[in-house]
Amino acid sequence: MLVYDNETEIKNIQINRLLFDQINLDPGGIIVTAPGDNCDFVSRYFTPQASILEDPVTGSAHCSLIPFWAARLNKNELYALQVSERVGNLFCENKGERVIISGQAKTYSIGSLWID
């Protein structure tokens, strides 16, 4: 996790994919975060060597971000924004050993699966 000073810095991050893909975090990625302008904190999540460079909304990253920002801001209910191209609004709650993440989602796919 890399912590920046402000939201604008997070929005302006540009990844050199050729250089970035030389990093081996098997498995894993890089979280970048900063205080938000109109929310408690913002973030982005990048994964080297993956078919998708930037995850649009990353619940697993927020499992680390929520306790970090809760301690830093001295509050347990947080509003977060993942500032990827798709943008994700997350309502977060720090419950000590657990975190609660909620928000809205869009249906990506509907289908049926049969297993014999």
N, C-alpha and C. Protein backbone atom coordinates (compact mmCIF):
# COMPACT_ATOMS: atom_id res chain seq x y z
N MET A 1 0.85 -1.17 0.00
CA MET A 1 0.00 0.00 0.00
C MET A 1 0.90 1.23 0.00
N LEU A 2 0.59 2.13 -0.91
CA LEU A 2 1.31 3.40 -1.00
C LEU A 2 0.34 4.52 -0.65
N VAL A 3 0.73 5.37 0.29
CA VAL A 3 -0.14 6.44 0.75
C VAL A 3 0.34 7.77 0.17
N TYR A 4 -0.58 8.45 -0.49
CA TYR A 4 -0.28 9.74 -1.11
C TYR A 4 -0.94 10.86 -0.30
N ASP A 5 -0.63 12.10 -0.67
CA ASP A 5 -1.12 13.26 0.07
C ASP A 5 -2.56 13.64 -0.25
N ASN A 6 -2.99 13.44 -1.51
CA ASN A 6 -4.33 13.93 -1.87
C ASN A 6 -4.93 13.13 -3.03
N GLU A 7 -6.21 13.35 -3.22
CA GLU A 7 -6.99 12.64 -4.24
C GLU A 7 -6.48 12.89 -5.65
N THR A 8 -6.07 14.10 -5.93
CA THR A 8 -5.59 14.44 -7.28
C THR A 8 -4.38 13.59 -7.66
N GLU A 9 -3.48 13.38 -6.71
CA GLU A 9 -2.31 12.54 -7.00
C GLU A 9 -2.74 11.12 -7.38
N ILE A 10 -3.73 10.58 -6.70
CA ILE A 10 -4.21 9.23 -6.99
C ILE A 10 -4.84 9.18 -8.38
N LYS A 11 -5.67 10.17 -8.69
CA LYS A 11 -6.33 10.21 -10.00
C LYS A 11 -5.31 10.35 -11.14
N ASN A 12 -4.21 11.01 -10.89
CA ASN A 12 -3.22 11.29 -11.94
C ASN A 12 -2.18 10.18 -12.13
N ILE A 13 -2.24 9.13 -11.36
CA ILE A 13 -1.26 8.04 -11.51
C ILE A 13 -1.40 7.39 -12.88
N GLN A 14 -0.27 7.29 -13.56
CA GLN A 14 -0.22 6.58 -14.84
C GLN A 14 0.82 5.48 -14.72
N ILE A 15 0.44 4.28 -15.08
CA ILE A 15 1.31 3.12 -14.94
C ILE A 15 2.02 2.83 -16.25
N ASN A 16 3.33 2.68 -16.18
CA ASN A 16 4.12 2.19 -17.32
C ASN A 16 3.99 0.67 -17.29
N ARG A 17 3.12 0.14 -18.12
CA ARG A 17 2.78 -1.29 -18.07
C ARG A 17 4.00 -2.18 -18.31
N LEU A 18 4.87 -1.81 -19.21
CA LEU A 18 6.05 -2.64 -19.49
C LEU A 18 6.95 -2.77 -18.26
N LEU A 19 7.14 -1.68 -17.55
CA LEU A 19 7.96 -1.69 -16.35
C LEU A 19 7.21 -2.35 -15.19
N PHE A 20 5.95 -2.02 -15.04
CA PHE A 20 5.13 -2.53 -13.94
C PHE A 20 5.00 -4.05 -13.99
N ASP A 21 4.87 -4.60 -15.18
CA ASP A 21 4.70 -6.05 -15.33
C ASP A 21 5.97 -6.84 -15.00
N GLN A 22 7.08 -6.15 -14.77
CA GLN A 22 8.30 -6.85 -14.34
C GLN A 22 8.27 -7.16 -12.85
N ILE A 23 7.31 -6.58 -12.13
CA ILE A 23 7.16 -6.84 -10.70
C ILE A 23 6.41 -8.15 -10.52
N ASN A 24 6.89 -8.99 -9.61
CA ASN A 24 6.20 -10.25 -9.32
C ASN A 24 5.67 -10.20 -7.89
N LEU A 25 4.35 -10.06 -7.76
CA LEU A 25 3.71 -10.03 -6.45
C LEU A 25 2.82 -11.27 -6.28
N ASP A 26 3.16 -12.31 -6.88
CA ASP A 26 2.37 -13.54 -7.00
C ASP A 26 1.87 -14.09 -5.68
N PRO A 27 0.60 -14.05 -5.34
CA PRO A 27 -0.42 -13.20 -5.97
C PRO A 27 -0.43 -11.85 -5.27
N GLY A 28 -1.08 -10.90 -5.86
CA GLY A 28 -1.22 -9.61 -5.19
C GLY A 28 -1.15 -8.44 -6.13
N GLY A 29 -1.30 -7.28 -5.56
CA GLY A 29 -1.29 -6.06 -6.33
C GLY A 29 -0.85 -4.90 -5.48
N ILE A 30 -0.98 -3.72 -6.02
CA ILE A 30 -0.55 -2.51 -5.34
C ILE A 30 -1.75 -1.61 -5.13
N ILE A 31 -1.96 -1.23 -3.87
CA ILE A 31 -3.02 -0.30 -3.49
C ILE A 31 -2.37 1.08 -3.37
N VAL A 32 -3.01 2.09 -3.97
CA VAL A 32 -2.60 3.46 -3.75
C VAL A 32 -3.79 4.17 -3.11
N THR A 33 -3.53 5.03 -2.14
CA THR A 33 -4.62 5.66 -1.40
C THR A 33 -4.22 7.03 -0.91
N ALA A 34 -5.23 7.84 -0.61
CA ALA A 34 -5.02 9.20 -0.10
C ALA A 34 -6.32 9.68 0.53
N PRO A 35 -6.24 10.73 1.35
CA PRO A 35 -7.48 11.34 1.82
C PRO A 35 -8.30 11.82 0.63
N GLY A 36 -9.62 11.74 0.73
CA GLY A 36 -10.48 12.17 -0.36
C GLY A 36 -10.92 13.62 -0.21
N ASP A 37 -11.32 14.21 -1.33
CA ASP A 37 -11.83 15.58 -1.31
C ASP A 37 -13.25 15.63 -0.72
N ASN A 38 -14.11 14.69 -1.14
CA ASN A 38 -15.50 14.66 -0.69
C ASN A 38 -15.86 13.33 -0.07
N CYS A 39 -14.87 12.62 0.41
CA CYS A 39 -15.06 11.33 1.07
C CYS A 39 -13.90 11.15 2.05
N ASP A 40 -13.95 10.08 2.81
CA ASP A 40 -12.88 9.87 3.79
C ASP A 40 -11.56 9.51 3.13
N PHE A 41 -11.61 8.62 2.13
CA PHE A 41 -10.39 8.25 1.41
C PHE A 41 -10.71 7.75 0.01
N VAL A 42 -9.71 7.84 -0.85
CA VAL A 42 -9.81 7.32 -2.21
C VAL A 42 -8.75 6.25 -2.40
N SER A 43 -8.93 5.43 -3.42
CA SER A 43 -7.94 4.39 -3.71
C SER A 43 -8.01 3.97 -5.17
N ARG A 44 -6.98 3.26 -5.57
CA ARG A 44 -6.93 2.53 -6.83
C ARG A 44 -6.16 1.25 -6.55
N TYR A 45 -6.36 0.23 -7.40
CA TYR A 45 -5.70 -1.06 -7.19
C TYR A 45 -5.18 -1.57 -8.54
N PHE A 46 -3.88 -1.83 -8.59
CA PHE A 46 -3.22 -2.28 -9.82
C PHE A 46 -2.59 -3.65 -9.59
N THR A 47 -2.68 -4.50 -10.60
CA THR A 47 -2.13 -5.85 -10.51
C THR A 47 -1.15 -6.09 -11.64
N PRO A 48 0.15 -6.23 -11.32
CA PRO A 48 1.12 -6.53 -12.38
C PRO A 48 0.92 -7.93 -12.93
N GLN A 49 1.23 -8.09 -14.19
CA GLN A 49 1.19 -9.37 -14.90
C GLN A 49 -0.23 -9.94 -15.01
N ALA A 50 -1.25 -9.14 -14.84
CA ALA A 50 -2.63 -9.62 -14.94
C ALA A 50 -3.23 -9.14 -16.26
N SER A 51 -4.27 -9.83 -16.70
CA SER A 51 -4.90 -9.44 -17.96
C SER A 51 -5.61 -8.08 -17.82
N ILE A 52 -6.06 -7.75 -16.62
CA ILE A 52 -6.66 -6.45 -16.36
C ILE A 52 -5.72 -5.69 -15.40
N LEU A 53 -5.17 -4.59 -15.87
CA LEU A 53 -4.19 -3.84 -15.08
C LEU A 53 -4.80 -3.24 -13.81
N GLU A 54 -5.97 -2.60 -13.96
CA GLU A 54 -6.58 -1.92 -12.81
C GLU A 54 -7.95 -2.50 -12.52
N ASP A 55 -8.12 -2.93 -11.28
CA ASP A 55 -9.41 -3.46 -10.85
C ASP A 55 -10.33 -2.28 -10.56
N PRO A 56 -11.56 -2.30 -11.08
CA PRO A 56 -12.43 -1.14 -10.91
C PRO A 56 -12.90 -0.89 -9.48
N VAL A 57 -13.23 -1.92 -8.73
CA VAL A 57 -13.64 -1.78 -7.33
C VAL A 57 -13.15 -3.02 -6.60
N THR A 58 -12.30 -2.85 -5.59
CA THR A 58 -11.58 -3.97 -4.98
C THR A 58 -11.93 -4.13 -3.51
N GLY A 59 -12.86 -5.04 -3.23
CA GLY A 59 -13.25 -5.30 -1.85
C GLY A 59 -12.10 -5.79 -1.01
N SER A 60 -11.27 -6.67 -1.56
CA SER A 60 -10.16 -7.22 -0.79
C SER A 60 -9.17 -6.14 -0.37
N ALA A 61 -8.93 -5.15 -1.22
CA ALA A 61 -8.04 -4.05 -0.86
C ALA A 61 -8.64 -3.24 0.28
N HIS A 62 -9.95 -3.09 0.28
CA HIS A 62 -10.59 -2.31 1.33
C HIS A 62 -10.57 -3.01 2.68
N CYS A 63 -10.34 -4.31 2.67
CA CYS A 63 -10.18 -5.03 3.95
C CYS A 63 -8.93 -4.54 4.68
N SER A 64 -7.96 -4.03 3.96
CA SER A 64 -6.77 -3.42 4.56
C SER A 64 -6.94 -1.91 4.72
N LEU A 65 -7.59 -1.29 3.75
CA LEU A 65 -7.75 0.16 3.78
C LEU A 65 -8.65 0.64 4.92
N ILE A 66 -9.71 -0.09 5.20
CA ILE A 66 -10.66 0.36 6.22
C ILE A 66 -10.00 0.47 7.59
N PRO A 67 -9.31 -0.57 8.10
CA PRO A 67 -8.65 -0.40 9.41
C PRO A 67 -7.58 0.70 9.40
N PHE A 68 -6.86 0.81 8.30
CA PHE A 68 -5.82 1.84 8.19
C PHE A 68 -6.43 3.23 8.34
N TRP A 69 -7.46 3.54 7.53
CA TRP A 69 -8.06 4.88 7.57
C TRP A 69 -8.89 5.09 8.82
N ALA A 70 -9.52 4.04 9.35
CA ALA A 70 -10.27 4.18 10.60
C ALA A 70 -9.34 4.66 11.72
N ALA A 71 -8.17 4.07 11.81
CA ALA A 71 -7.20 4.47 12.84
C ALA A 71 -6.67 5.88 12.57
N ARG A 72 -6.39 6.15 11.33
CA ARG A 72 -5.81 7.45 10.98
C ARG A 72 -6.81 8.60 11.18
N LEU A 73 -8.08 8.33 10.86
CA LEU A 73 -9.11 9.37 10.96
C LEU A 73 -9.88 9.32 12.28
N ASN A 74 -9.56 8.30 13.09
CA ASN A 74 -10.21 8.12 14.39
C ASN A 74 -11.73 8.03 14.27
N LYS A 75 -12.18 7.21 13.31
CA LYS A 75 -13.61 6.96 13.13
C LYS A 75 -13.80 5.58 12.53
N ASN A 76 -14.92 4.94 12.80
CA ASN A 76 -15.15 3.57 12.33
C ASN A 76 -16.12 3.46 11.17
N GLU A 77 -16.88 4.49 10.88
CA GLU A 77 -17.76 4.50 9.71
C GLU A 77 -17.15 5.44 8.69
N LEU A 78 -16.86 4.88 7.51
CA LEU A 78 -16.12 5.62 6.49
C LEU A 78 -16.84 5.54 5.15
N TYR A 79 -16.65 6.58 4.37
CA TYR A 79 -17.13 6.59 2.99
C TYR A 79 -15.90 6.65 2.09
N ALA A 80 -15.79 5.68 1.19
CA ALA A 80 -14.62 5.58 0.33
C ALA A 80 -15.01 5.66 -1.14
N LEU A 81 -14.07 6.06 -1.94
CA LEU A 81 -14.27 6.14 -3.38
C LEU A 81 -13.07 5.49 -4.06
N GLN A 82 -13.33 4.47 -4.88
CA GLN A 82 -12.26 3.92 -5.69
C GLN A 82 -12.33 4.65 -7.02
N VAL A 83 -11.31 5.41 -7.34
CA VAL A 83 -11.34 6.34 -8.46
C VAL A 83 -10.80 5.72 -9.75
N SER A 84 -11.18 4.48 -10.01
CA SER A 84 -10.87 3.84 -11.28
C SER A 84 -11.75 4.47 -12.36
N GLU A 85 -11.59 4.03 -13.58
CA GLU A 85 -12.40 4.57 -14.68
C GLU A 85 -13.89 4.35 -14.42
N ARG A 86 -14.25 3.21 -13.84
CA ARG A 86 -15.66 2.89 -13.58
C ARG A 86 -16.16 3.58 -12.30
N VAL A 87 -15.33 3.87 -11.36
CA VAL A 87 -15.60 4.51 -10.07
C VAL A 87 -16.51 3.65 -9.20
N GLY A 88 -16.11 3.48 -7.95
CA GLY A 88 -16.90 2.72 -7.00
C GLY A 88 -17.07 3.47 -5.70
N ASN A 89 -18.31 3.57 -5.23
CA ASN A 89 -18.62 4.18 -3.94
C ASN A 89 -18.76 3.06 -2.92
N LEU A 90 -18.03 3.14 -1.83
CA LEU A 90 -18.08 2.09 -0.82
C LEU A 90 -18.40 2.70 0.55
N PHE A 91 -19.35 2.09 1.22
CA PHE A 91 -19.68 2.46 2.58
C PHE A 91 -19.03 1.42 3.47
N CYS A 92 -18.19 1.87 4.36
CA CYS A 92 -17.30 0.97 5.09
C CYS A 92 -17.48 1.13 6.60
N GLU A 93 -17.33 0.01 7.29
CA GLU A 93 -17.39 0.05 8.74
C GLU A 93 -16.28 -0.83 9.31
N ASN A 94 -15.51 -0.26 10.22
CA ASN A 94 -14.46 -0.99 10.90
C ASN A 94 -15.04 -1.61 12.17
N LYS A 95 -14.98 -2.93 12.27
CA LYS A 95 -15.52 -3.62 13.44
C LYS A 95 -14.41 -4.39 14.16
N GLY A 96 -13.22 -3.84 14.15
CA GLY A 96 -12.10 -4.49 14.84
C GLY A 96 -11.53 -5.64 14.03
N GLU A 97 -11.95 -6.85 14.32
CA GLU A 97 -11.44 -8.04 13.62
C GLU A 97 -12.08 -8.23 12.24
N ARG A 98 -13.13 -7.47 11.96
CA ARG A 98 -13.84 -7.57 10.68
C ARG A 98 -14.14 -6.19 10.14
N VAL A 99 -14.39 -6.16 8.84
CA VAL A 99 -14.87 -4.92 8.22
C VAL A 99 -16.17 -5.23 7.47
N ILE A 100 -17.00 -4.22 7.35
CA ILE A 100 -18.23 -4.33 6.58
C ILE A 100 -18.09 -3.37 5.40
N ILE A 101 -18.36 -3.88 4.21
CA ILE A 101 -18.29 -3.07 2.99
C ILE A 101 -19.63 -3.20 2.28
N SER A 102 -20.21 -2.07 1.93
CA SER A 102 -21.45 -2.11 1.16
C SER A 102 -21.39 -1.04 0.08
N GLY A 103 -22.30 -1.19 -0.87
CA GLY A 103 -22.38 -0.25 -1.98
C GLY A 103 -23.35 -0.79 -2.99
N GLN A 104 -23.35 -0.21 -4.16
CA GLN A 104 -24.22 -0.68 -5.23
C GLN A 104 -23.39 -1.44 -6.24
N ALA A 105 -24.05 -2.39 -6.90
CA ALA A 105 -23.37 -3.19 -7.92
C ALA A 105 -24.24 -3.26 -9.17
N LYS A 106 -23.63 -3.55 -10.27
CA LYS A 106 -24.34 -3.76 -11.53
C LYS A 106 -24.18 -5.22 -11.91
N THR A 107 -25.24 -5.79 -12.44
CA THR A 107 -25.19 -7.18 -12.89
C THR A 107 -24.26 -7.28 -14.08
N TYR A 108 -23.29 -8.17 -13.96
CA TYR A 108 -22.34 -8.40 -15.04
C TYR A 108 -22.80 -9.54 -15.92
N SER A 109 -23.35 -10.58 -15.31
CA SER A 109 -23.73 -11.76 -16.07
C SER A 109 -24.80 -12.53 -15.31
N ILE A 110 -25.68 -13.16 -16.06
CA ILE A 110 -26.68 -14.05 -15.50
C ILE A 110 -26.59 -15.36 -16.26
N GLY A 111 -26.65 -16.48 -15.55
CA GLY A 111 -26.55 -17.74 -16.23
C GLY A 111 -26.88 -18.89 -15.30
N SER A 112 -26.76 -20.08 -15.83
CA SER A 112 -27.00 -21.30 -15.06
C SER A 112 -25.79 -22.21 -15.21
N LEU A 113 -25.54 -22.99 -14.18
CA LEU A 113 -24.41 -23.92 -14.19
C LEU A 113 -24.92 -25.26 -13.71
N TRP A 114 -24.70 -26.29 -14.49
CA TRP A 114 -25.07 -27.64 -14.11
C TRP A 114 -23.81 -28.45 -13.86
N ILE A 115 -23.79 -29.14 -12.75
CA ILE A 115 -22.66 -30.00 -12.42
C ILE A 115 -23.17 -31.42 -12.27
N ASP A 116 -22.60 -32.34 -13.03
CA ASP A 116 -23.00 -33.76 -12.93
C ASP A 116 -22.23 -34.46 -11.86
